[in-house]
Amino acid sequence: MIAALAHTSTMLLRILTLCAMMITPVGALAWSNAGGLGITKQSAGLVLFVTLQRQSMS
């Protein structure tokens, strides 16, 4: 019984470690890109945004 519990906890620890190693870079990238105070619209994005706004108003 104790051996099965030890094996299960070891496997769970390995799975959690693997998940953390895969998710950490994504979280760090999201954290570094979250510095802005809203969505910045530039060039083609701005043109598309204004076009859609005009179409929705008419």
N, C-alpha and C. Protein backbone atom coordinates (compact mmCIF):
# COMPACT_ATOMS: atom_id res chain seq x y z
N MET A 1 0.82 -1.20 0.00
CA MET A 1 0.00 0.00 0.00
C MET A 1 0.86 1.26 0.00
N ILE A 2 1.89 1.28 0.85
CA ILE A 2 2.76 2.45 0.93
C ILE A 2 3.59 2.58 -0.35
N ALA A 3 3.98 1.46 -0.93
CA ALA A 3 4.74 1.51 -2.18
C ALA A 3 3.90 2.09 -3.31
N ALA A 4 2.63 1.71 -3.35
CA ALA A 4 1.75 2.25 -4.39
C ALA A 4 1.55 3.75 -4.19
N LEU A 5 1.40 4.18 -2.95
CA LEU A 5 1.24 5.61 -2.65
C LEU A 5 2.50 6.39 -3.02
N ALA A 6 3.66 5.80 -2.74
CA ALA A 6 4.92 6.46 -3.10
C ALA A 6 5.07 6.57 -4.61
N HIS A 7 4.70 5.50 -5.31
CA HIS A 7 4.79 5.51 -6.77
C HIS A 7 3.82 6.55 -7.36
N THR A 8 2.61 6.62 -6.83
CA THR A 8 1.62 7.58 -7.32
C THR A 8 2.07 9.01 -7.07
N SER A 9 2.59 9.27 -5.87
CA SER A 9 3.04 10.63 -5.57
C SER A 9 4.26 11.02 -6.39
N THR A 10 5.15 10.06 -6.67
CA THR A 10 6.31 10.34 -7.52
C THR A 10 5.86 10.66 -8.94
N MET A 11 4.91 9.90 -9.45
CA MET A 11 4.40 10.14 -10.79
C MET A 11 3.69 11.49 -10.86
N LEU A 12 2.91 11.82 -9.85
CA LEU A 12 2.22 13.10 -9.82
C LEU A 12 3.23 14.25 -9.78
N LEU A 13 4.28 14.11 -9.02
CA LEU A 13 5.32 15.14 -8.95
C LEU A 13 6.01 15.31 -10.30
N ARG A 14 6.25 14.23 -11.00
CA ARG A 14 6.86 14.32 -12.32
C ARG A 14 5.94 15.02 -13.31
N ILE A 15 4.65 14.70 -13.26
CA ILE A 15 3.69 15.33 -14.17
C ILE A 15 3.59 16.83 -13.87
N LEU A 16 3.52 17.20 -12.60
CA LEU A 16 3.44 18.61 -12.25
C LEU A 16 4.70 19.36 -12.66
N THR A 17 5.84 18.73 -12.49
CA THR A 17 7.11 19.36 -12.89
C THR A 17 7.15 19.58 -14.40
N LEU A 18 6.73 18.58 -15.17
CA LEU A 18 6.71 18.71 -16.62
C LEU A 18 5.74 19.80 -17.06
N CYS A 19 4.57 19.84 -16.45
CA CYS A 19 3.60 20.88 -16.79
C CYS A 19 4.14 22.27 -16.47
N ALA A 20 4.79 22.41 -15.32
CA ALA A 20 5.35 23.71 -14.94
C ALA A 20 6.45 24.13 -15.91
N MET A 21 7.27 23.18 -16.33
CA MET A 21 8.34 23.51 -17.27
C MET A 21 7.80 23.92 -18.63
N MET A 22 6.64 23.39 -19.01
CA MET A 22 6.07 23.75 -20.31
C MET A 22 5.27 25.04 -20.25
N ILE A 23 4.65 25.34 -19.12
CA ILE A 23 3.78 26.51 -19.01
C ILE A 23 4.55 27.76 -18.61
N THR A 24 5.65 27.63 -17.90
CA THR A 24 6.40 28.79 -17.40
C THR A 24 6.86 29.73 -18.52
N PRO A 25 7.44 29.25 -19.63
CA PRO A 25 7.83 30.19 -20.70
C PRO A 25 6.65 30.95 -21.30
N VAL A 26 5.51 30.29 -21.42
CA VAL A 26 4.32 30.95 -21.96
C VAL A 26 3.85 32.04 -21.00
N GLY A 27 3.86 31.72 -19.70
CA GLY A 27 3.47 32.71 -18.70
C GLY A 27 4.42 33.89 -18.66
N ALA A 28 5.71 33.62 -18.81
CA ALA A 28 6.69 34.70 -18.80
C ALA A 28 6.52 35.60 -20.02
N LEU A 29 6.22 35.02 -21.15
CA LEU A 29 5.98 35.81 -22.36
C LEU A 29 4.72 36.66 -22.21
N ALA A 30 3.68 36.08 -21.66
CA ALA A 30 2.45 36.83 -21.45
C ALA A 30 2.66 37.96 -20.45
N TRP A 31 3.44 37.68 -19.41
CA TRP A 31 3.72 38.70 -18.40
C TRP A 31 4.51 39.86 -18.99
N SER A 32 5.48 39.56 -19.85
CA SER A 32 6.30 40.62 -20.42
C SER A 32 5.52 41.46 -21.44
N ASN A 33 4.53 40.87 -22.09
CA ASN A 33 3.73 41.61 -23.07
C ASN A 33 2.53 42.31 -22.46
N ALA A 34 2.27 42.12 -21.19
CA ALA A 34 1.09 42.69 -20.55
C ALA A 34 1.34 44.08 -19.97
N GLY A 35 2.43 44.73 -20.35
CA GLY A 35 2.77 46.02 -19.78
C GLY A 35 1.93 47.18 -20.29
N GLY A 36 1.31 47.03 -21.44
CA GLY A 36 0.53 48.13 -22.02
C GLY A 36 -0.78 48.35 -21.29
N LEU A 37 -1.30 49.54 -21.42
CA LEU A 37 -2.57 49.88 -20.79
C LEU A 37 -3.71 49.78 -21.79
N GLY A 38 -3.84 48.69 -22.47
CA GLY A 38 -4.90 48.52 -23.44
C GLY A 38 -4.35 48.05 -24.77
N ILE A 39 -5.22 47.92 -25.71
CA ILE A 39 -4.83 47.43 -27.03
C ILE A 39 -4.30 48.60 -27.85
N THR A 40 -3.10 48.46 -28.34
CA THR A 40 -2.54 49.50 -29.20
C THR A 40 -2.84 49.14 -30.64
N LYS A 41 -3.32 50.09 -31.38
CA LYS A 41 -3.65 49.85 -32.77
C LYS A 41 -2.67 50.63 -33.65
N GLN A 42 -2.03 49.93 -34.53
CA GLN A 42 -1.05 50.55 -35.41
C GLN A 42 -1.30 50.09 -36.84
N SER A 43 -1.01 50.92 -37.76
CA SER A 43 -1.06 50.68 -39.21
C SER A 43 -2.31 49.91 -39.65
N ALA A 44 -2.13 48.69 -40.13
CA ALA A 44 -3.26 47.94 -40.70
C ALA A 44 -4.32 47.64 -39.65
N GLY A 45 -3.92 47.39 -38.43
CA GLY A 45 -4.89 47.15 -37.37
C GLY A 45 -5.75 48.36 -37.11
N LEU A 46 -5.15 49.53 -37.15
CA LEU A 46 -5.90 50.77 -36.95
C LEU A 46 -6.88 51.00 -38.10
N VAL A 47 -6.45 50.77 -39.32
CA VAL A 47 -7.32 50.94 -40.49
C VAL A 47 -8.50 49.99 -40.40
N LEU A 48 -8.25 48.75 -40.06
CA LEU A 48 -9.32 47.78 -39.94
C LEU A 48 -10.29 48.18 -38.83
N PHE A 49 -9.76 48.61 -37.70
CA PHE A 49 -10.60 49.02 -36.57
C PHE A 49 -11.51 50.19 -36.95
N VAL A 50 -10.96 51.21 -37.60
CA VAL A 50 -11.75 52.38 -37.99
C VAL A 50 -12.79 51.99 -39.03
N THR A 51 -12.41 51.14 -39.98
CA THR A 51 -13.35 50.70 -41.00
C THR A 51 -14.53 49.94 -40.38
N LEU A 52 -14.24 49.04 -39.47
CA LEU A 52 -15.31 48.29 -38.82
C LEU A 52 -16.19 49.19 -37.96
N GLN A 53 -15.60 50.18 -37.33
CA GLN A 53 -16.38 51.10 -36.52
C GLN A 53 -17.33 51.92 -37.40
N ARG A 54 -16.83 52.35 -38.53
CA ARG A 54 -17.68 53.15 -39.45
C ARG A 54 -18.82 52.32 -40.00
N GLN A 55 -18.52 51.05 -40.33
CA GLN A 55 -19.57 50.19 -40.87
C GLN A 55 -20.63 49.89 -39.82
N SER A 56 -20.24 49.77 -38.59
CA SER A 56 -21.21 49.45 -37.54
C SER A 56 -22.09 50.66 -37.21
N MET A 57 -21.61 51.86 -37.50
CA MET A 57 -22.39 53.05 -37.19
C MET A 57 -23.41 53.38 -38.30
N SER A 58 -23.17 52.85 -39.49
CA SER A 58 -24.08 53.19 -40.60
C SER A 58 -25.10 52.09 -40.85
